[in-house]
Amino acid sequence: MTCYVGILDGADDVWGVRIPDLPGCRGGGASPDEAVADAALATREWTEIRIAKRLPIPSPRTLAGLLRSGEIDCISGGSAVVIG
């Protein structure tokens, strides 16, 4: 199973997860757990659509690679989560 790093952010009852390696792939929910579950579903659907269209699936980057790229803003409260 391929796992991607998602970036979780939010507060109170509005949470979101974006998957930087899968453009446009996002999940959301009223709690961090709901947002991660929704992002996992979105990741499966995103890859299924790509497979059906015979398009390439991007390889996941490592957490270290995403941190080096500056895509995870820990200072502003962004957190990394594993989506797979």
N, C-alpha and C. Protein backbone atom coordinates (compact mmCIF):
# COMPACT_ATOMS: atom_id res chain seq x y z
N MET A 1 0.84 -1.18 0.00
CA MET A 1 0.00 0.00 0.00
C MET A 1 0.88 1.24 0.00
N THR A 2 0.55 2.18 -0.86
CA THR A 2 1.28 3.45 -0.93
C THR A 2 0.66 4.42 0.06
N CYS A 3 1.51 5.08 0.81
CA CYS A 3 1.04 6.08 1.77
C CYS A 3 1.57 7.45 1.37
N TYR A 4 0.72 8.44 1.51
CA TYR A 4 1.09 9.82 1.22
C TYR A 4 1.06 10.62 2.51
N VAL A 5 1.83 11.70 2.53
CA VAL A 5 1.80 12.62 3.66
C VAL A 5 0.74 13.66 3.38
N GLY A 6 -0.17 13.83 4.34
CA GLY A 6 -1.17 14.88 4.26
C GLY A 6 -0.82 15.99 5.23
N ILE A 7 -1.29 17.17 4.94
CA ILE A 7 -1.06 18.30 5.83
C ILE A 7 -2.40 18.70 6.43
N LEU A 8 -2.47 18.55 7.75
CA LEU A 8 -3.69 18.81 8.52
C LEU A 8 -3.61 20.20 9.13
N ASP A 9 -4.68 20.95 8.97
CA ASP A 9 -4.78 22.22 9.70
C ASP A 9 -6.24 22.53 9.96
N GLY A 10 -6.46 23.40 10.90
CA GLY A 10 -7.82 23.78 11.25
C GLY A 10 -7.93 24.16 12.71
N ALA A 11 -9.16 24.36 13.13
CA ALA A 11 -9.45 24.70 14.52
C ALA A 11 -10.93 24.46 14.77
N ASP A 12 -11.25 24.31 16.02
CA ASP A 12 -12.64 24.12 16.45
C ASP A 12 -13.30 23.00 15.65
N ASP A 13 -14.30 23.32 14.83
CA ASP A 13 -15.01 22.27 14.10
C ASP A 13 -14.82 22.37 12.58
N VAL A 14 -13.70 23.00 12.16
CA VAL A 14 -13.38 23.09 10.74
C VAL A 14 -11.93 22.64 10.54
N TRP A 15 -11.78 21.45 9.94
CA TRP A 15 -10.46 20.86 9.72
C TRP A 15 -10.31 20.44 8.27
N GLY A 16 -9.10 20.55 7.77
CA GLY A 16 -8.84 20.13 6.40
C GLY A 16 -7.51 19.41 6.29
N VAL A 17 -7.42 18.56 5.29
CA VAL A 17 -6.18 17.86 4.98
C VAL A 17 -5.96 18.00 3.48
N ARG A 18 -4.77 18.42 3.10
CA ARG A 18 -4.43 18.43 1.68
C ARG A 18 -3.27 17.48 1.46
N ILE A 19 -3.27 16.85 0.29
CA ILE A 19 -2.23 15.90 -0.06
C ILE A 19 -1.37 16.58 -1.13
N PRO A 20 -0.22 17.13 -0.75
CA PRO A 20 0.57 17.92 -1.70
C PRO A 20 1.01 17.15 -2.94
N ASP A 21 1.21 15.85 -2.84
CA ASP A 21 1.68 15.07 -3.99
C ASP A 21 0.57 14.72 -4.97
N LEU A 22 -0.68 14.97 -4.59
CA LEU A 22 -1.83 14.67 -5.44
C LEU A 22 -2.60 15.98 -5.66
N PRO A 23 -2.27 16.72 -6.69
CA PRO A 23 -2.87 18.05 -6.89
C PRO A 23 -4.40 18.03 -6.85
N GLY A 24 -4.95 18.91 -6.01
CA GLY A 24 -6.39 19.02 -5.88
C GLY A 24 -7.03 18.03 -4.93
N CYS A 25 -6.24 17.13 -4.37
CA CYS A 25 -6.79 16.11 -3.47
C CYS A 25 -6.82 16.65 -2.05
N ARG A 26 -8.04 16.71 -1.49
CA ARG A 26 -8.25 17.29 -0.16
C ARG A 26 -9.35 16.52 0.57
N GLY A 27 -9.34 16.66 1.88
CA GLY A 27 -10.41 16.11 2.70
C GLY A 27 -10.74 17.12 3.78
N GLY A 28 -11.91 16.97 4.37
CA GLY A 28 -12.30 17.91 5.42
C GLY A 28 -13.29 17.28 6.37
N GLY A 29 -13.46 17.91 7.52
CA GLY A 29 -14.41 17.41 8.49
C GLY A 29 -14.49 18.30 9.71
N ALA A 30 -15.36 17.91 10.62
CA ALA A 30 -15.59 18.68 11.84
C ALA A 30 -14.56 18.39 12.93
N SER A 31 -13.71 17.39 12.70
CA SER A 31 -12.65 17.05 13.65
C SER A 31 -11.43 16.59 12.85
N PRO A 32 -10.27 16.56 13.48
CA PRO A 32 -9.10 16.05 12.77
C PRO A 32 -9.31 14.62 12.25
N ASP A 33 -9.91 13.76 13.06
CA ASP A 33 -10.16 12.38 12.63
C ASP A 33 -11.07 12.32 11.40
N GLU A 34 -12.12 13.13 11.38
CA GLU A 34 -13.01 13.16 10.22
C GLU A 34 -12.29 13.67 8.98
N ALA A 35 -11.45 14.68 9.15
CA ALA A 35 -10.72 15.24 8.01
C ALA A 35 -9.74 14.21 7.44
N VAL A 36 -9.05 13.47 8.30
CA VAL A 36 -8.10 12.46 7.85
C VAL A 36 -8.85 11.32 7.14
N ALA A 37 -9.98 10.89 7.69
CA ALA A 37 -10.77 9.83 7.05
C ALA A 37 -11.27 10.29 5.69
N ASP A 38 -11.72 11.52 5.59
CA ASP A 38 -12.19 12.05 4.31
C ASP A 38 -11.04 12.16 3.31
N ALA A 39 -9.86 12.55 3.79
CA ALA A 39 -8.70 12.65 2.91
C ALA A 39 -8.28 11.27 2.41
N ALA A 40 -8.40 10.25 3.25
CA ALA A 40 -8.08 8.88 2.82
C ALA A 40 -9.03 8.44 1.69
N LEU A 41 -10.31 8.74 1.84
CA LEU A 41 -11.29 8.43 0.81
C LEU A 41 -10.99 9.21 -0.47
N ALA A 42 -10.69 10.49 -0.33
CA ALA A 42 -10.37 11.33 -1.48
C ALA A 42 -9.12 10.82 -2.21
N THR A 43 -8.14 10.34 -1.45
CA THR A 43 -6.92 9.79 -2.04
C THR A 43 -7.23 8.56 -2.88
N ARG A 44 -8.06 7.66 -2.34
CA ARG A 44 -8.45 6.46 -3.10
C ARG A 44 -9.19 6.85 -4.38
N GLU A 45 -10.14 7.77 -4.26
CA GLU A 45 -10.90 8.19 -5.44
C GLU A 45 -10.01 8.89 -6.46
N TRP A 46 -9.10 9.73 -5.99
CA TRP A 46 -8.19 10.46 -6.87
C TRP A 46 -7.36 9.47 -7.67
N THR A 47 -6.79 8.46 -6.99
CA THR A 47 -5.94 7.50 -7.70
C THR A 47 -6.77 6.59 -8.62
N GLU A 48 -7.98 6.22 -8.22
CA GLU A 48 -8.84 5.39 -9.08
C GLU A 48 -9.17 6.10 -10.38
N ILE A 49 -9.44 7.39 -10.30
CA ILE A 49 -9.74 8.18 -11.50
C ILE A 49 -8.51 8.22 -12.41
N ARG A 50 -7.34 8.44 -11.83
CA ARG A 50 -6.11 8.48 -12.62
C ARG A 50 -5.85 7.14 -13.30
N ILE A 51 -6.07 6.05 -12.58
CA ILE A 51 -5.88 4.72 -13.15
C ILE A 51 -6.86 4.50 -14.30
N ALA A 52 -8.12 4.86 -14.09
CA ALA A 52 -9.14 4.68 -15.13
C ALA A 52 -8.79 5.47 -16.40
N LYS A 53 -8.18 6.63 -16.22
CA LYS A 53 -7.80 7.46 -17.37
C LYS A 53 -6.40 7.14 -17.89
N ARG A 54 -5.79 6.12 -17.29
CA ARG A 54 -4.43 5.69 -17.65
C ARG A 54 -3.42 6.82 -17.54
N LEU A 55 -3.57 7.60 -16.48
CA LEU A 55 -2.64 8.69 -16.18
C LEU A 55 -1.68 8.23 -15.07
N PRO A 56 -0.49 8.79 -15.02
CA PRO A 56 0.46 8.37 -13.98
C PRO A 56 0.01 8.81 -12.59
N ILE A 57 0.40 8.01 -11.62
CA ILE A 57 0.16 8.33 -10.21
C ILE A 57 1.49 8.84 -9.64
N PRO A 58 1.51 10.04 -9.10
CA PRO A 58 2.77 10.56 -8.55
C PRO A 58 3.28 9.71 -7.38
N SER A 59 4.57 9.58 -7.30
CA SER A 59 5.18 8.89 -6.16
C SER A 59 5.10 9.80 -4.94
N PRO A 60 4.89 9.21 -3.78
CA PRO A 60 4.83 10.04 -2.57
C PRO A 60 6.22 10.51 -2.16
N ARG A 61 6.27 11.74 -1.70
CA ARG A 61 7.51 12.26 -1.13
C ARG A 61 7.58 11.88 0.34
N THR A 62 8.76 11.94 0.88
CA THR A 62 8.93 11.65 2.30
C THR A 62 8.54 12.87 3.13
N LEU A 63 8.33 12.64 4.39
CA LEU A 63 8.05 13.74 5.31
C LEU A 63 9.21 14.72 5.31
N ALA A 64 10.43 14.19 5.32
CA ALA A 64 11.60 15.07 5.31
C ALA A 64 11.63 15.93 4.04
N GLY A 65 11.28 15.33 2.91
CA GLY A 65 11.25 16.09 1.67
C GLY A 65 10.22 17.20 1.70
N LEU A 66 9.05 16.91 2.26
CA LEU A 66 8.02 17.95 2.36
C LEU A 66 8.43 19.05 3.33
N LEU A 67 9.08 18.68 4.41
CA LEU A 67 9.56 19.69 5.36
C LEU A 67 10.61 20.58 4.70
N ARG A 68 11.54 19.97 3.96
CA ARG A 68 12.56 20.76 3.26
C ARG A 68 11.94 21.71 2.23
N SER A 69 10.86 21.27 1.60
CA SER A 69 10.24 22.09 0.56
C SER A 69 9.48 23.28 1.15
N GLY A 70 9.22 23.25 2.44
CA GLY A 70 8.47 24.33 3.08
C GLY A 70 6.96 24.19 2.96
N GLU A 71 6.49 23.03 2.49
CA GLU A 71 5.05 22.84 2.31
C GLU A 71 4.31 22.57 3.62
N ILE A 72 5.03 22.24 4.65
CA ILE A 72 4.40 22.04 5.96
C ILE A 72 4.83 23.20 6.84
N ASP A 73 3.88 24.04 7.20
CA ASP A 73 4.16 25.23 8.02
C ASP A 73 3.84 24.91 9.47
N CYS A 74 4.82 24.33 10.15
CA CYS A 74 4.62 23.93 11.55
C CYS A 74 4.39 25.13 12.46
N ILE A 75 4.97 26.26 12.13
CA ILE A 75 4.81 27.45 12.96
C ILE A 75 3.36 27.93 12.97
N SER A 76 2.68 27.80 11.84
CA SER A 76 1.28 28.22 11.76
C SER A 76 0.30 27.12 12.19
N GLY A 77 0.83 25.99 12.64
CA GLY A 77 -0.04 24.95 13.16
C GLY A 77 -0.28 23.77 12.24
N GLY A 78 0.35 23.75 11.08
CA GLY A 78 0.18 22.62 10.17
C GLY A 78 0.83 21.37 10.76
N SER A 79 0.19 20.23 10.57
CA SER A 79 0.71 18.97 11.06
C SER A 79 0.71 17.95 9.94
N ALA A 80 1.69 17.06 9.95
CA ALA A 80 1.75 16.00 8.95
C ALA A 80 0.98 14.79 9.46
N VAL A 81 0.24 14.15 8.55
CA VAL A 81 -0.50 12.93 8.85
C VAL A 81 -0.26 11.94 7.71
N VAL A 82 -0.27 10.66 8.04
CA VAL A 82 -0.09 9.63 7.01
C VAL A 82 -1.45 9.26 6.45
N ILE A 83 -1.56 9.30 5.13
CA ILE A 83 -2.79 8.94 4.45
C ILE A 83 -2.47 7.73 3.57
N GLY A 84 -3.20 6.66 3.77
CA GLY A 84 -2.90 5.49 2.97
C GLY A 84 -4.03 4.50 2.94
